[in-house]
Amino acid sequence: MNDQAFFSVDIPFESFGRTHSLTLLVFALLLGVLIVASKRLSNRQNLLLGRLLSVFMSVSVMVWAGLHIFFERFNTAIDLPLSICNLFALLAPLLFWNPSHRRLEIIYFMVMCGTLQAIVTPDLYVGFPGYGFFKYWIVHIGLVLMVIHHLLSFKLYPRPKAMIAAFVWLNIYLLSLVPINFWLDANYFYLMEKPVNPSILDYFGPWPWYILVTEGLAFVFFAIAYVPIGIARKYFINPATIHTAQTTE
């Protein structure tokens, strides 16, 4: 990997191509390692691991923004960290420094229903080895790993009622983006138009219908994301352990 390629933004990325497939393989391997580590490390070691990962994600977003500004590529209409993934990654040290059950269960539904989908169908415009490529995958893979790590390490299992809270927070976030999009002539969270690259939104009709369909499906996706938690709660998790986790703030 040469320096010129790393600083380039002209390297194409192909969804479901070789690089994407290899990235998914790396994600699966990291997930397996993290699951094993979460069970073998002590609470203190898991806390340190989570904090290091949160700082790494946050710094990655800041370094990417710094490089974009340095090369005069930064565009406030597309590059502000206002998407849920970039915002969570930037604020990761605040969100994950001390495990909080109420906070994590909200983040869980948004990450597992949004960030995970962005891994499978990435909205990425820079291929390997451009710095934008690394930032995208550090943010998205990092968030999924962080949530699963906290869930397993600190037993912060989401409750069913958290789906409603997550839905409310999601809509507060969306409403806050509307004036920003108009002000900057932007398209944060794809509220103004669909992404160029293929995505699940392509199946939901034209604007603004795909927004309304997504609103309805969001709660369905939240329910689906809760299924493994519900199964684990019923068959594999000690209720006393859940109670202890829920009082950890």
C-alpha atoms as a PDB file:
ATOM      1  CA  MET A   1       0.000   0.000   0.000  1.00  0.00           C
ATOM      2  CA  ASN A   2       1.622   3.260  -1.127  1.00  0.00           C
ATOM      3  CA  ASP A   3       1.028   6.693   0.371  1.00  0.00           C
ATOM      4  CA  GLN A   4      -0.516   8.075  -2.815  1.00  0.00           C
ATOM      5  CA  ALA A   5      -3.194   5.365  -2.852  1.00  0.00           C
ATOM      6  CA  PHE A   6      -3.923   5.786   0.861  1.00  0.00           C
ATOM      7  CA  PHE A   7      -4.675   9.497   0.435  1.00  0.00           C
ATOM      8  CA  SER A   8      -6.724   8.986  -2.725  1.00  0.00           C
ATOM      9  CA  VAL A   9     -10.505   9.317  -2.942  1.00  0.00           C
ATOM     10  CA  ASP A  10     -10.701   8.068  -6.531  1.00  0.00           C
ATOM     11  CA  ILE A  11     -10.435   4.328  -5.875  1.00  0.00           C
ATOM     12  CA  PRO A  12     -13.757   2.669  -6.747  1.00  0.00           C
ATOM     13  CA  PHE A  13     -15.544   0.328  -4.353  1.00  0.00           C
ATOM     14  CA  GLU A  14     -17.705  -2.536  -5.554  1.00  0.00           C
ATOM     15  CA  SER A  15     -20.412  -3.861  -3.239  1.00  0.00           C
ATOM     16  CA  PHE A  16     -20.172  -7.656  -2.900  1.00  0.00           C
ATOM     17  CA  GLY A  17     -16.860  -7.578  -4.748  1.00  0.00           C
ATOM     18  CA  ARG A  18     -13.645  -9.220  -3.597  1.00  0.00           C
ATOM     19  CA  THR A  19     -12.647  -6.449  -1.174  1.00  0.00           C
ATOM     20  CA  HIS A  20     -16.115  -6.353   0.352  1.00  0.00           C
ATOM     21  CA  SER A  21     -16.123 -10.144   0.771  1.00  0.00           C
ATOM     22  CA  LEU A  22     -12.715 -10.110   2.434  1.00  0.00           C
ATOM     23  CA  THR A  23     -13.872  -7.318   4.743  1.00  0.00           C
ATOM     24  CA  LEU A  24     -16.893  -9.380   5.780  1.00  0.00           C
ATOM     25  CA  LEU A  25     -14.554 -12.289   6.491  1.00  0.00           C
ATOM     26  CA  VAL A  26     -12.370 -10.064   8.676  1.00  0.00           C
ATOM     27  CA  PHE A  27     -15.514  -8.875  10.476  1.00  0.00           C
ATOM     28  CA  ALA A  28     -16.570 -12.469  11.174  1.00  0.00           C
ATOM     29  CA  LEU A  29     -13.109 -13.349  12.495  1.00  0.00           C
ATOM     30  CA  LEU A  30     -12.976 -10.276  14.738  1.00  0.00           C
ATOM     31  CA  LEU A  31     -16.445 -11.043  16.029  1.00  0.00           C
ATOM     32  CA  GLY A  32     -15.415 -14.586  16.912  1.00  0.00           C
ATOM     33  CA  VAL A  33     -12.287 -13.373  18.710  1.00  0.00           C
ATOM     34  CA  LEU A  34     -14.269 -10.756  20.613  1.00  0.00           C
ATOM     35  CA  ILE A  35     -16.909 -13.255  21.730  1.00  0.00           C
ATOM     36  CA  VAL A  36     -14.219 -15.565  23.105  1.00  0.00           C
ATOM     37  CA  ALA A  37     -12.370 -12.660  24.724  1.00  0.00           C
ATOM     38  CA  SER A  38     -15.511 -11.334  26.402  1.00  0.00           C
ATOM     39  CA  LYS A  39     -15.961 -14.658  28.177  1.00  0.00           C
ATOM     40  CA  ARG A  40     -12.326 -15.162  29.186  1.00  0.00           C
ATOM     41  CA  LEU A  41     -11.352 -11.652  30.275  1.00  0.00           C
ATOM     42  CA  SER A  42     -12.199 -10.202  33.673  1.00  0.00           C
ATOM     43  CA  ASN A  43     -14.699  -7.352  34.026  1.00  0.00           C
ATOM     44  CA  ARG A  44     -11.850  -4.884  34.423  1.00  0.00           C
ATOM     45  CA  GLN A  45     -10.073  -6.216  31.330  1.00  0.00           C
ATOM     46  CA  ASN A  46     -13.286  -6.095  29.296  1.00  0.00           C
ATOM     47  CA  LEU A  47     -13.873  -2.538  30.474  1.00  0.00           C
ATOM     48  CA  LEU A  48     -10.377  -1.550  29.313  1.00  0.00           C
ATOM     49  CA  LEU A  49     -10.873  -3.321  25.985  1.00  0.00           C
ATOM     50  CA  GLY A  50     -14.162  -1.501  25.407  1.00  0.00           C
ATOM     51  CA  ARG A  51     -12.635   1.853  26.264  1.00  0.00           C
ATOM     52  CA  LEU A  52      -9.696   1.313  23.912  1.00  0.00           C
ATOM     53  CA  LEU A  53     -12.029   0.347  21.081  1.00  0.00           C
ATOM     54  CA  SER A  54     -14.237   3.388  21.722  1.00  0.00           C
ATOM     55  CA  VAL A  55     -11.248   5.751  21.619  1.00  0.00           C
ATOM     56  CA  PHE A  56      -9.961   4.081  18.450  1.00  0.00           C
ATOM     57  CA  MET A  57     -13.291   4.619  16.684  1.00  0.00           C
ATOM     58  CA  SER A  58     -13.560   8.246  17.810  1.00  0.00           C
ATOM     59  CA  VAL A  59      -9.994   9.073  16.784  1.00  0.00           C
ATOM     60  CA  SER A  60     -10.550   7.405  13.395  1.00  0.00           C
ATOM     61  CA  VAL A  61     -13.465   9.749  12.673  1.00  0.00           C
ATOM     62  CA  MET A  62     -11.425  12.785  13.732  1.00  0.00           C
ATOM     63  CA  VAL A  63      -8.367  11.733  11.708  1.00  0.00           C
ATOM     64  CA  TRP A  64     -10.517  11.189   8.635  1.00  0.00           C
ATOM     65  CA  ALA A  65     -12.087  14.647   9.072  1.00  0.00           C
ATOM     66  CA  GLY A  66      -8.630  16.177   9.589  1.00  0.00           C
ATOM     67  CA  LEU A  67      -7.319  14.602   6.386  1.00  0.00           C
ATOM     68  CA  HIS A  68     -10.378  15.737   4.465  1.00  0.00           C
ATOM     69  CA  ILE A  69      -9.923  19.295   5.738  1.00  0.00           C
ATOM     70  CA  PHE A  70      -6.170  19.218   5.001  1.00  0.00           C
ATOM     71  CA  PHE A  71      -6.769  18.166   1.406  1.00  0.00           C
ATOM     72  CA  GLU A  72      -9.649  20.671   1.074  1.00  0.00           C
ATOM     73  CA  ARG A  73     -12.144  17.882   0.462  1.00  0.00           C
ATOM     74  CA  PHE A  74     -14.397  18.486   3.449  1.00  0.00           C
ATOM     75  CA  ASN A  75     -17.966  19.299   2.461  1.00  0.00           C
ATOM     76  CA  THR A  76     -20.413  20.203   5.223  1.00  0.00           C
ATOM     77  CA  ALA A  77     -23.284  18.816   3.137  1.00  0.00           C
ATOM     78  CA  ILE A  78     -21.931  15.263   3.303  1.00  0.00           C
ATOM     79  CA  ASP A  79     -18.983  15.057   5.693  1.00  0.00           C
ATOM     80  CA  LEU A  80     -20.290  16.219   9.079  1.00  0.00           C
ATOM     81  CA  PRO A  81     -20.536  13.300  11.559  1.00  0.00           C
ATOM     82  CA  LEU A  82     -24.331  13.462  11.636  1.00  0.00           C
ATOM     83  CA  SER A  83     -25.237   9.957  10.486  1.00  0.00           C
ATOM     84  CA  ILE A  84     -26.055   7.662  13.393  1.00  0.00           C
ATOM     85  CA  CYS A  85     -22.985   5.528  12.758  1.00  0.00           C
ATOM     86  CA  ASN A  86     -20.511   8.405  12.543  1.00  0.00           C
ATOM     87  CA  LEU A  87     -22.135  10.207  15.461  1.00  0.00           C
ATOM     88  CA  PHE A  88     -22.028   7.121  17.684  1.00  0.00           C
ATOM     89  CA  ALA A  89     -18.416   6.461  16.667  1.00  0.00           C
ATOM     90  CA  LEU A  90     -17.341  10.045  17.357  1.00  0.00           C
ATOM     91  CA  LEU A  91     -19.066   9.998  20.751  1.00  0.00           C
ATOM     92  CA  ALA A  92     -18.065   6.397  21.520  1.00  0.00           C
ATOM     93  CA  PRO A  93     -15.870   7.282  24.548  1.00  0.00           C
ATOM     94  CA  LEU A  94     -18.859   9.068  26.097  1.00  0.00           C
ATOM     95  CA  LEU A  95     -21.353   6.356  25.176  1.00  0.00           C
ATOM     96  CA  PHE A  96     -19.319   3.310  26.132  1.00  0.00           C
ATOM     97  CA  TRP A  97     -16.765   4.459  28.719  1.00  0.00           C
ATOM     98  CA  ASN A  98     -18.912   3.300  31.616  1.00  0.00           C
ATOM     99  CA  PRO A  99     -21.368   0.496  30.763  1.00  0.00           C
ATOM    100  CA  SER A 100     -24.977   1.657  31.056  1.00  0.00           C
ATOM    101  CA  HIS A 101     -27.872  -0.672  30.494  1.00  0.00           C
ATOM    102  CA  ARG A 102     -30.410   2.005  29.535  1.00  0.00           C
ATOM    103  CA  ARG A 103     -28.016   3.643  27.121  1.00  0.00           C
ATOM    104  CA  LEU A 104     -26.786   0.419  25.548  1.00  0.00           C
ATOM    105  CA  GLU A 105     -30.218  -1.047  24.887  1.00  0.00           C
ATOM    106  CA  ILE A 106     -31.142   2.040  22.841  1.00  0.00           C
ATOM    107  CA  ILE A 107     -27.857   1.869  20.934  1.00  0.00           C
ATOM    108  CA  TYR A 108     -28.296  -1.882  20.455  1.00  0.00           C
ATOM    109  CA  PHE A 109     -31.437  -1.558  18.355  1.00  0.00           C
ATOM    110  CA  MET A 110     -30.087   1.286  16.230  1.00  0.00           C
ATOM    111  CA  VAL A 111     -26.745  -0.415  15.584  1.00  0.00           C
ATOM    112  CA  MET A 112     -28.074  -3.918  14.951  1.00  0.00           C
ATOM    113  CA  CYS A 113     -30.787  -2.608  12.606  1.00  0.00           C
ATOM    114  CA  GLY A 114     -28.835   0.179  10.893  1.00  0.00           C
ATOM    115  CA  THR A 115     -25.090  -0.254  11.199  1.00  0.00           C
ATOM    116  CA  LEU A 116     -25.228  -3.984  10.530  1.00  0.00           C
ATOM    117  CA  GLN A 117     -27.216  -3.320   7.358  1.00  0.00           C
ATOM    118  CA  ALA A 118     -24.544  -0.795   6.305  1.00  0.00           C
ATOM    119  CA  ILE A 119     -21.963  -3.562   6.592  1.00  0.00           C
ATOM    120  CA  VAL A 120     -23.909  -5.910   4.331  1.00  0.00           C
ATOM    121  CA  THR A 121     -24.924  -3.196   1.818  1.00  0.00           C
ATOM    122  CA  PRO A 122     -22.297  -0.458   2.273  1.00  0.00           C
ATOM    123  CA  ASP A 123     -22.834   3.097   1.065  1.00  0.00           C
ATOM    124  CA  LEU A 124     -19.124   3.533   0.382  1.00  0.00           C
ATOM    125  CA  TYR A 125     -17.476   5.581  -2.345  1.00  0.00           C
ATOM    126  CA  VAL A 126     -13.777   4.879  -1.720  1.00  0.00           C
ATOM    127  CA  GLY A 127     -12.169   1.488  -2.147  1.00  0.00           C
ATOM    128  CA  PHE A 128      -9.087  -0.100  -0.621  1.00  0.00           C
ATOM    129  CA  PRO A 129      -6.584   1.277   0.363  1.00  0.00           C
ATOM    130  CA  GLY A 130      -8.017   4.814   0.561  1.00  0.00           C
ATOM    131  CA  TYR A 131      -8.266   6.304   4.044  1.00  0.00           C
ATOM    132  CA  GLY A 132     -12.022   6.702   3.609  1.00  0.00           C
ATOM    133  CA  PHE A 133     -12.273   2.949   3.142  1.00  0.00           C
ATOM    134  CA  PHE A 134     -10.583   2.276   6.490  1.00  0.00           C
ATOM    135  CA  LYS A 135     -12.643   4.890   8.313  1.00  0.00           C
ATOM    136  CA  TYR A 136     -15.921   3.466   7.021  1.00  0.00           C
ATOM    137  CA  TRP A 137     -15.168  -0.063   8.171  1.00  0.00           C
ATOM    138  CA  ILE A 138     -13.604   0.949  11.480  1.00  0.00           C
ATOM    139  CA  VAL A 139     -16.780   2.884  12.300  1.00  0.00           C
ATOM    140  CA  HIS A 140     -19.329   0.301  11.201  1.00  0.00           C
ATOM    141  CA  ILE A 141     -17.583  -2.895  12.200  1.00  0.00           C
ATOM    142  CA  GLY A 142     -16.348  -1.232  15.388  1.00  0.00           C
ATOM    143  CA  LEU A 143     -19.846  -0.245  16.493  1.00  0.00           C
ATOM    144  CA  VAL A 144     -21.275  -3.733  15.988  1.00  0.00           C
ATOM    145  CA  LEU A 145     -18.325  -5.290  17.820  1.00  0.00           C
ATOM    146  CA  MET A 146     -18.642  -2.755  20.627  1.00  0.00           C
ATOM    147  CA  VAL A 147     -22.344  -3.407  21.168  1.00  0.00           C
ATOM    148  CA  ILE A 148     -21.960  -7.188  21.133  1.00  0.00           C
ATOM    149  CA  HIS A 149     -18.941  -6.958  23.431  1.00  0.00           C
ATOM    150  CA  HIS A 150     -20.843  -4.860  25.975  1.00  0.00           C
ATOM    151  CA  LEU A 151     -23.877  -7.095  25.747  1.00  0.00           C
ATOM    152  CA  LEU A 152     -21.873 -10.257  26.459  1.00  0.00           C
ATOM    153  CA  SER A 153     -19.217  -8.874  28.804  1.00  0.00           C
ATOM    154  CA  PHE A 154     -21.476  -6.858  31.091  1.00  0.00           C
ATOM    155  CA  LYS A 155     -24.741  -8.748  30.481  1.00  0.00           C
ATOM    156  CA  LEU A 156     -26.605  -5.599  29.444  1.00  0.00           C
ATOM    157  CA  TYR A 157     -29.432  -7.406  27.688  1.00  0.00           C
ATOM    158  CA  PRO A 158     -32.071  -5.105  26.140  1.00  0.00           C
ATOM    159  CA  ARG A 159     -35.630  -5.256  27.467  1.00  0.00           C
ATOM    160  CA  PRO A 160     -38.698  -5.386  25.175  1.00  0.00           C
ATOM    161  CA  LYS A 161     -39.823  -1.885  26.178  1.00  0.00           C
ATOM    162  CA  ALA A 162     -36.492  -0.520  24.965  1.00  0.00           C
ATOM    163  CA  MET A 163     -37.771  -0.968  21.397  1.00  0.00           C
ATOM    164  CA  ILE A 164     -40.274   1.826  22.009  1.00  0.00           C
ATOM    165  CA  ALA A 165     -37.646   4.069  23.556  1.00  0.00           C
ATOM    166  CA  ALA A 166     -35.288   3.421  20.637  1.00  0.00           C
ATOM    167  CA  PHE A 167     -38.053   4.252  18.162  1.00  0.00           C
ATOM    168  CA  VAL A 168     -38.787   7.533  19.953  1.00  0.00           C
ATOM    169  CA  TRP A 169     -35.101   8.520  20.013  1.00  0.00           C
ATOM    170  CA  LEU A 170     -34.746   7.573  16.354  1.00  0.00           C
ATOM    171  CA  ASN A 171     -37.569   9.932  15.403  1.00  0.00           C
ATOM    172  CA  ILE A 172     -36.181  12.731  17.551  1.00  0.00           C
ATOM    173  CA  TYR A 173     -32.910  12.299  15.701  1.00  0.00           C
ATOM    174  CA  LEU A 174     -34.639  12.318  12.297  1.00  0.00           C
ATOM    175  CA  LEU A 175     -36.629  15.457  13.086  1.00  0.00           C
ATOM    176  CA  SER A 176     -33.462  17.233  14.206  1.00  0.00           C
ATOM    177  CA  LEU A 177     -31.833  16.431  10.855  1.00  0.00           C
ATOM    178  CA  VAL A 178     -34.604  17.944   8.721  1.00  0.00           C
ATOM    179  CA  PRO A 179     -33.668  21.616   9.269  1.00  0.00           C
ATOM    180  CA  ILE A 180     -29.967  20.745   8.988  1.00  0.00           C
ATOM    181  CA  ASN A 181     -30.546  19.080   5.615  1.00  0.00           C
ATOM    182  CA  PHE A 182     -32.471  22.107   4.334  1.00  0.00           C
ATOM    183  CA  TRP A 183     -29.913  24.546   5.710  1.00  0.00           C
ATOM    184  CA  LEU A 184     -26.901  22.748   4.214  1.00  0.00           C
ATOM    185  CA  ASP A 185     -28.674  21.372   1.129  1.00  0.00           C
ATOM    186  CA  ALA A 186     -27.623  17.977   2.472  1.00  0.00           C
ATOM    187  CA  ASN A 187     -29.014  14.454   2.602  1.00  0.00           C
ATOM    188  CA  TYR A 188     -28.092  13.155   6.032  1.00  0.00           C
ATOM    189  CA  PHE A 189     -29.832   9.863   6.843  1.00  0.00           C
ATOM    190  CA  TYR A 190     -31.094   9.896   3.243  1.00  0.00           C
ATOM    191  CA  LEU A 191     -34.088  12.014   4.185  1.00  0.00           C
ATOM    192  CA  MET A 192     -33.924  13.943   0.897  1.00  0.00           C
ATOM    193  CA  GLU A 193     -33.044  11.126  -1.539  1.00  0.00           C
ATOM    194  CA  LYS A 194     -31.816   7.521  -1.650  1.00  0.00           C
ATOM    195  CA  PRO A 195     -28.105   6.597  -1.636  1.00  0.00           C
ATOM    196  CA  VAL A 196     -26.474   6.102  -5.034  1.00  0.00           C
ATOM    197  CA  ASN A 197     -25.171   2.622  -4.229  1.00  0.00           C
ATOM    198  CA  PRO A 198     -27.702  -0.252  -4.014  1.00  0.00           C
ATOM    199  CA  SER A 199     -29.400  -0.466  -0.623  1.00  0.00           C
ATOM    200  CA  ILE A 200     -32.537  -1.806   1.009  1.00  0.00           C
ATOM    201  CA  LEU A 201     -34.198   1.585   0.395  1.00  0.00           C
ATOM    202  CA  ASP A 202     -34.402   0.760  -3.308  1.00  0.00           C
ATOM    203  CA  TYR A 203     -37.300  -1.578  -2.530  1.00  0.00           C
ATOM    204  CA  PHE A 204     -39.376   1.004  -0.671  1.00  0.00           C
ATOM    205  CA  GLY A 205     -40.563   3.269  -3.485  1.00  0.00           C
ATOM    206  CA  PRO A 206     -39.675   6.887  -4.409  1.00  0.00           C
ATOM    207  CA  TRP A 207     -39.291   9.854  -2.063  1.00  0.00           C
ATOM    208  CA  PRO A 208     -40.984  10.457   0.340  1.00  0.00           C
ATOM    209  CA  TRP A 209     -42.660   7.052   0.440  1.00  0.00           C
ATOM    210  CA  TYR A 210     -39.466   5.174   1.235  1.00  0.00           C
ATOM    211  CA  ILE A 211     -39.126   7.299   4.390  1.00  0.00           C
ATOM    212  CA  LEU A 212     -42.617   6.374   5.559  1.00  0.00           C
ATOM    213  CA  VAL A 213     -42.048   2.706   4.742  1.00  0.00           C
ATOM    214  CA  THR A 214     -38.732   2.792   6.612  1.00  0.00           C
ATOM    215  CA  GLU A 215     -40.475   4.348   9.609  1.00  0.00           C
ATOM    216  CA  GLY A 216     -42.924   1.463   9.701  1.00  0.00           C
ATOM    217  CA  LEU A 217     -40.273  -1.170   9.118  1.00  0.00           C
ATOM    218  CA  ALA A 218     -37.942   0.263  11.761  1.00  0.00           C
ATOM    219  CA  PHE A 219     -40.088  -1.148  14.525  1.00  0.00           C
ATOM    220  CA  VAL A 220     -40.287  -4.486  12.697  1.00  0.00           C
ATOM    221  CA  PHE A 221     -36.494  -4.561  12.468  1.00  0.00           C
ATOM    222  CA  PHE A 222     -36.259  -3.686  16.153  1.00  0.00           C
ATOM    223  CA  ALA A 223     -38.509  -6.653  16.938  1.00  0.00           C
ATOM    224  CA  ILE A 224     -36.357  -8.944  14.787  1.00  0.00           C
ATOM    225  CA  ALA A 225     -33.220  -7.671  16.525  1.00  0.00           C
ATOM    226  CA  TYR A 226     -34.813  -8.544  19.851  1.00  0.00           C
ATOM    227  CA  VAL A 227     -35.479 -12.190  18.858  1.00  0.00           C
ATOM    228  CA  PRO A 228     -32.009 -13.544  19.807  1.00  0.00           C
ATOM    229  CA  ILE A 229     -32.154 -11.574  23.056  1.00  0.00           C
ATOM    230  CA  GLY A 230     -35.607 -12.965  23.852  1.00  0.00           C
ATOM    231  CA  ILE A 231     -34.461 -16.527  23.148  1.00  0.00           C
ATOM    232  CA  ALA A 232     -31.354 -16.060  25.270  1.00  0.00           C
ATOM    233  CA  ARG A 233     -33.394 -14.581  28.115  1.00  0.00           C
ATOM    234  CA  LYS A 234     -35.797 -17.522  28.064  1.00  0.00           C
ATOM    235  CA  TYR A 235     -33.382 -20.424  27.759  1.00  0.00           C
ATOM    236  CA  PHE A 236     -29.807 -19.400  28.532  1.00  0.00           C
ATOM    237  CA  ILE A 237     -29.631 -16.378  30.847  1.00  0.00           C
ATOM    238  CA  ASN A 238     -29.914 -16.534  34.612  1.00  0.00           C
ATOM    239  CA  PRO A 239     -32.648 -14.039  35.660  1.00  0.00           C
ATOM    240  CA  ALA A 240     -30.583 -12.989  38.671  1.00  0.00           C
ATOM    241  CA  THR A 241     -27.775 -12.024  36.318  1.00  0.00           C
ATOM    242  CA  ILE A 242     -30.154  -9.934  34.213  1.00  0.00           C
ATOM    243  CA  HIS A 243     -31.356  -8.069  37.287  1.00  0.00           C
ATOM    244  CA  THR A 244     -27.762  -7.308  38.258  1.00  0.00           C
ATOM    245  CA  ALA A 245     -27.005  -6.045  34.765  1.00  0.00           C
ATOM    246  CA  GLN A 246     -30.087  -3.840  34.656  1.00  0.00           C
ATOM    247  CA  THR A 247     -29.040  -2.016  37.803  1.00  0.00           C
ATOM    248  CA  THR A 248     -25.579  -1.287  36.389  1.00  0.00           C
ATOM    249  CA  GLU A 249     -25.583   2.365  35.373  1.00  0.00           C
END
